[in-house]
């Protein structure tokens, strides 16, 4: 594993958030100033292809990256754009029972308003 890929992997693993490629690049540049943007994007693509991370397509804004490559859900706040993991224990089994075949993968994003956005009320 290259030093660049190891750095990118560590940034994703240690982040409590689902970071964008731009945020990963910015953090990586602080530790490795000569790092090229293309190197970050190439590594993210390779890491996704290798099943190390998961790319999450966002309804608004840049895609984000998830350290948990196994299928699971997410809660997306339509107010502030925060993204959190959503436990989905048993969902894959239920889906397989419903379709009568093995489910290889799924992406579930539940849109809601987080408590802080609900407290703000209508704009």
C-alpha atoms as a PDB file:
ATOM      1  CA  UNK A   1       0.000   0.000   0.000  1.00  0.00           C
ATOM      2  CA  UNK A   2       1.375   3.395  -0.939  1.00  0.00           C
ATOM      3  CA  UNK A   3       1.882   6.095   1.698  1.00  0.00           C
ATOM      4  CA  UNK A   4      -0.779   8.193  -0.035  1.00  0.00           C
ATOM      5  CA  UNK A   5      -3.364   5.416   0.055  1.00  0.00           C
ATOM      6  CA  UNK A   6      -2.537   4.618   3.679  1.00  0.00           C
ATOM      7  CA  UNK A   7      -3.044   8.297   4.593  1.00  0.00           C
ATOM      8  CA  UNK A   8      -6.379   8.502   2.742  1.00  0.00           C
ATOM      9  CA  UNK A   9      -7.539   5.269   4.368  1.00  0.00           C
ATOM     10  CA  UNK A  10      -6.609   6.529   7.832  1.00  0.00           C
ATOM     11  CA  UNK A  11      -8.429   9.834   7.300  1.00  0.00           C
ATOM     12  CA  UNK A  12     -11.609   8.000   6.294  1.00  0.00           C
ATOM     13  CA  UNK A  13     -11.347   5.435   9.120  1.00  0.00           C
ATOM     14  CA  UNK A  14     -10.729   8.040  11.822  1.00  0.00           C
ATOM     15  CA  UNK A  15     -13.381  10.523  10.756  1.00  0.00           C
ATOM     16  CA  UNK A  16     -16.688  10.478  12.642  1.00  0.00           C
ATOM     17  CA  UNK A  17     -18.278  11.953   9.484  1.00  0.00           C
ATOM     18  CA  UNK A  18     -18.825  10.786   5.923  1.00  0.00           C
ATOM     19  CA  UNK A  19     -16.310  13.009   4.141  1.00  0.00           C
ATOM     20  CA  UNK A  20     -16.338  14.386   0.600  1.00  0.00           C
ATOM     21  CA  UNK A  21     -13.321  13.853  -1.658  1.00  0.00           C
ATOM     22  CA  UNK A  22     -12.515  17.558  -1.282  1.00  0.00           C
ATOM     23  CA  UNK A  23     -12.505  17.276   2.529  1.00  0.00           C
ATOM     24  CA  UNK A  24     -10.306  14.161   2.364  1.00  0.00           C
ATOM     25  CA  UNK A  25      -7.921  15.991   0.016  1.00  0.00           C
ATOM     26  CA  UNK A  26      -7.766  19.048   2.291  1.00  0.00           C
ATOM     27  CA  UNK A  27      -6.972  16.922   5.358  1.00  0.00           C
ATOM     28  CA  UNK A  28      -4.420  14.835   3.479  1.00  0.00           C
ATOM     29  CA  UNK A  29      -2.628  17.950   2.166  1.00  0.00           C
ATOM     30  CA  UNK A  30      -2.078  19.135   5.738  1.00  0.00           C
ATOM     31  CA  UNK A  31      -0.016  15.999   6.373  1.00  0.00           C
ATOM     32  CA  UNK A  32       1.403  15.526   2.867  1.00  0.00           C
ATOM     33  CA  UNK A  33       1.630  18.975   1.215  1.00  0.00           C
ATOM     34  CA  UNK A  34       2.841  17.648  -2.147  1.00  0.00           C
ATOM     35  CA  UNK A  35      -0.154  15.344  -2.582  1.00  0.00           C
ATOM     36  CA  UNK A  36      -1.995  15.895  -5.858  1.00  0.00           C
ATOM     37  CA  UNK A  37      -5.782  16.086  -6.057  1.00  0.00           C
ATOM     38  CA  UNK A  38      -5.762  13.428  -8.806  1.00  0.00           C
ATOM     39  CA  UNK A  39      -3.937  11.021  -6.504  1.00  0.00           C
ATOM     40  CA  UNK A  40      -6.703  11.335  -3.909  1.00  0.00           C
ATOM     41  CA  UNK A  41      -9.478  10.809  -6.458  1.00  0.00           C
ATOM     42  CA  UNK A  42      -7.656   7.858  -8.060  1.00  0.00           C
ATOM     43  CA  UNK A  43      -7.116   6.215  -4.688  1.00  0.00           C
ATOM     44  CA  UNK A  44     -10.722   6.756  -3.629  1.00  0.00           C
ATOM     45  CA  UNK A  45     -11.847   5.092  -6.858  1.00  0.00           C
ATOM     46  CA  UNK A  46      -9.484   2.140  -6.317  1.00  0.00           C
ATOM     47  CA  UNK A  47     -10.464   1.775  -2.663  1.00  0.00           C
ATOM     48  CA  UNK A  48     -14.136   1.724  -3.651  1.00  0.00           C
ATOM     49  CA  UNK A  49     -13.459  -0.864  -6.387  1.00  0.00           C
ATOM     50  CA  UNK A  50     -11.545  -2.998  -3.866  1.00  0.00           C
ATOM     51  CA  UNK A  51     -14.476  -2.867  -1.412  1.00  0.00           C
ATOM     52  CA  UNK A  52     -12.524  -0.983   1.256  1.00  0.00           C
ATOM     53  CA  UNK A  53     -14.881   1.993   1.301  1.00  0.00           C
ATOM     54  CA  UNK A  54     -18.285   2.922  -0.075  1.00  0.00           C
ATOM     55  CA  UNK A  55     -19.107   5.984  -2.169  1.00  0.00           C
ATOM     56  CA  UNK A  56     -22.431   7.544  -1.215  1.00  0.00           C
ATOM     57  CA  UNK A  57     -24.256   9.557  -3.854  1.00  0.00           C
ATOM     58  CA  UNK A  58     -25.809  12.596  -2.212  1.00  0.00           C
ATOM     59  CA  UNK A  59     -29.108  14.136  -3.288  1.00  0.00           C
ATOM     60  CA  UNK A  60     -27.536  17.595  -3.144  1.00  0.00           C
ATOM     61  CA  UNK A  61     -23.823  18.266  -3.204  1.00  0.00           C
ATOM     62  CA  UNK A  62     -20.724  16.150  -3.541  1.00  0.00           C
ATOM     63  CA  UNK A  63     -20.594  12.405  -3.009  1.00  0.00           C
ATOM     64  CA  UNK A  64     -19.297  11.269   0.359  1.00  0.00           C
ATOM     65  CA  UNK A  65     -17.230   8.280   1.430  1.00  0.00           C
ATOM     66  CA  UNK A  66     -18.041   5.729   4.103  1.00  0.00           C
ATOM     67  CA  UNK A  67     -15.515   3.581   5.931  1.00  0.00           C
ATOM     68  CA  UNK A  68     -18.094   0.807   6.358  1.00  0.00           C
ATOM     69  CA  UNK A  69     -18.229  -1.003   3.029  1.00  0.00           C
ATOM     70  CA  UNK A  70     -20.842  -3.531   4.208  1.00  0.00           C
ATOM     71  CA  UNK A  71     -24.445  -2.705   3.271  1.00  0.00           C
ATOM     72  CA  UNK A  72     -26.187  -0.441   5.768  1.00  0.00           C
ATOM     73  CA  UNK A  73     -28.481   2.562   5.745  1.00  0.00           C
ATOM     74  CA  UNK A  74     -28.060   6.278   6.275  1.00  0.00           C
ATOM     75  CA  UNK A  75     -30.098   9.124   7.675  1.00  0.00           C
ATOM     76  CA  UNK A  76     -29.802  12.300   5.597  1.00  0.00           C
ATOM     77  CA  UNK A  77     -31.069  15.584   7.039  1.00  0.00           C
ATOM     78  CA  UNK A  78     -32.725  17.588   4.265  1.00  0.00           C
ATOM     79  CA  UNK A  79     -32.291  20.720   6.393  1.00  0.00           C
ATOM     80  CA  UNK A  80     -28.564  20.812   7.149  1.00  0.00           C
ATOM     81  CA  UNK A  81     -27.173  17.956   5.066  1.00  0.00           C
ATOM     82  CA  UNK A  82     -25.785  15.883   7.929  1.00  0.00           C
ATOM     83  CA  UNK A  83     -25.423  12.188   7.204  1.00  0.00           C
ATOM     84  CA  UNK A  84     -25.449   9.459   9.862  1.00  0.00           C
ATOM     85  CA  UNK A  85     -25.330   5.688   9.773  1.00  0.00           C
ATOM     86  CA  UNK A  86     -28.650   3.918  10.220  1.00  0.00           C
ATOM     87  CA  UNK A  87     -28.580   0.409  11.707  1.00  0.00           C
ATOM     88  CA  UNK A  88     -30.348  -2.003   9.368  1.00  0.00           C
ATOM     89  CA  UNK A  89     -29.908  -5.356  11.110  1.00  0.00           C
ATOM     90  CA  UNK A  90     -32.155  -7.924   9.463  1.00  0.00           C
ATOM     91  CA  UNK A  91     -32.944  -5.794   6.414  1.00  0.00           C
ATOM     92  CA  UNK A  92     -30.884  -7.875   3.996  1.00  0.00           C
ATOM     93  CA  UNK A  93     -32.596 -11.067   5.165  1.00  0.00           C
ATOM     94  CA  UNK A  94     -36.015  -9.423   4.773  1.00  0.00           C
ATOM     95  CA  UNK A  95     -35.127  -8.202   1.289  1.00  0.00           C
ATOM     96  CA  UNK A  96     -33.917 -11.651   0.262  1.00  0.00           C
ATOM     97  CA  UNK A  97     -37.148 -13.183   1.521  1.00  0.00           C
ATOM     98  CA  UNK A  98     -39.164 -10.584  -0.400  1.00  0.00           C
ATOM     99  CA  UNK A  99     -37.335 -11.082  -3.712  1.00  0.00           C
ATOM    100  CA  UNK A 100     -36.646 -14.798  -3.347  1.00  0.00           C
ATOM    101  CA  UNK A 101     -32.970 -14.428  -4.222  1.00  0.00           C
ATOM    102  CA  UNK A 102     -29.708 -13.383  -2.604  1.00  0.00           C
ATOM    103  CA  UNK A 103     -29.294  -9.613  -2.293  1.00  0.00           C
ATOM    104  CA  UNK A 104     -25.730  -8.683  -3.198  1.00  0.00           C
ATOM    105  CA  UNK A 105     -25.856  -5.068  -2.086  1.00  0.00           C
ATOM    106  CA  UNK A 106     -28.204  -2.198  -1.284  1.00  0.00           C
ATOM    107  CA  UNK A 107     -28.083   1.495  -0.486  1.00  0.00           C
ATOM    108  CA  UNK A 108     -30.736   2.956   1.762  1.00  0.00           C
ATOM    109  CA  UNK A 109     -30.945   6.668   2.481  1.00  0.00           C
ATOM    110  CA  UNK A 110     -33.757   7.877   4.699  1.00  0.00           C
ATOM    111  CA  UNK A 111     -34.499  11.597   4.360  1.00  0.00           C
ATOM    112  CA  UNK A 112     -35.614  13.383   7.511  1.00  0.00           C
ATOM    113  CA  UNK A 113     -35.088  16.551   9.531  1.00  0.00           C
ATOM    114  CA  UNK A 114     -32.612  16.144  12.371  1.00  0.00           C
ATOM    115  CA  UNK A 115     -33.614  17.332  15.849  1.00  0.00           C
ATOM    116  CA  UNK A 116     -31.740  20.642  15.455  1.00  0.00           C
ATOM    117  CA  UNK A 117     -33.480  21.419  12.152  1.00  0.00           C
ATOM    118  CA  UNK A 118     -36.901  20.416  13.530  1.00  0.00           C
ATOM    119  CA  UNK A 119     -36.326  22.735  16.480  1.00  0.00           C
ATOM    120  CA  UNK A 120     -35.617  25.647  14.101  1.00  0.00           C
ATOM    121  CA  UNK A 121     -39.034  25.193  12.529  1.00  0.00           C
ATOM    122  CA  UNK A 122     -40.076  26.428   9.075  1.00  0.00           C
ATOM    123  CA  UNK A 123     -37.803  29.001   7.500  1.00  0.00           C
END
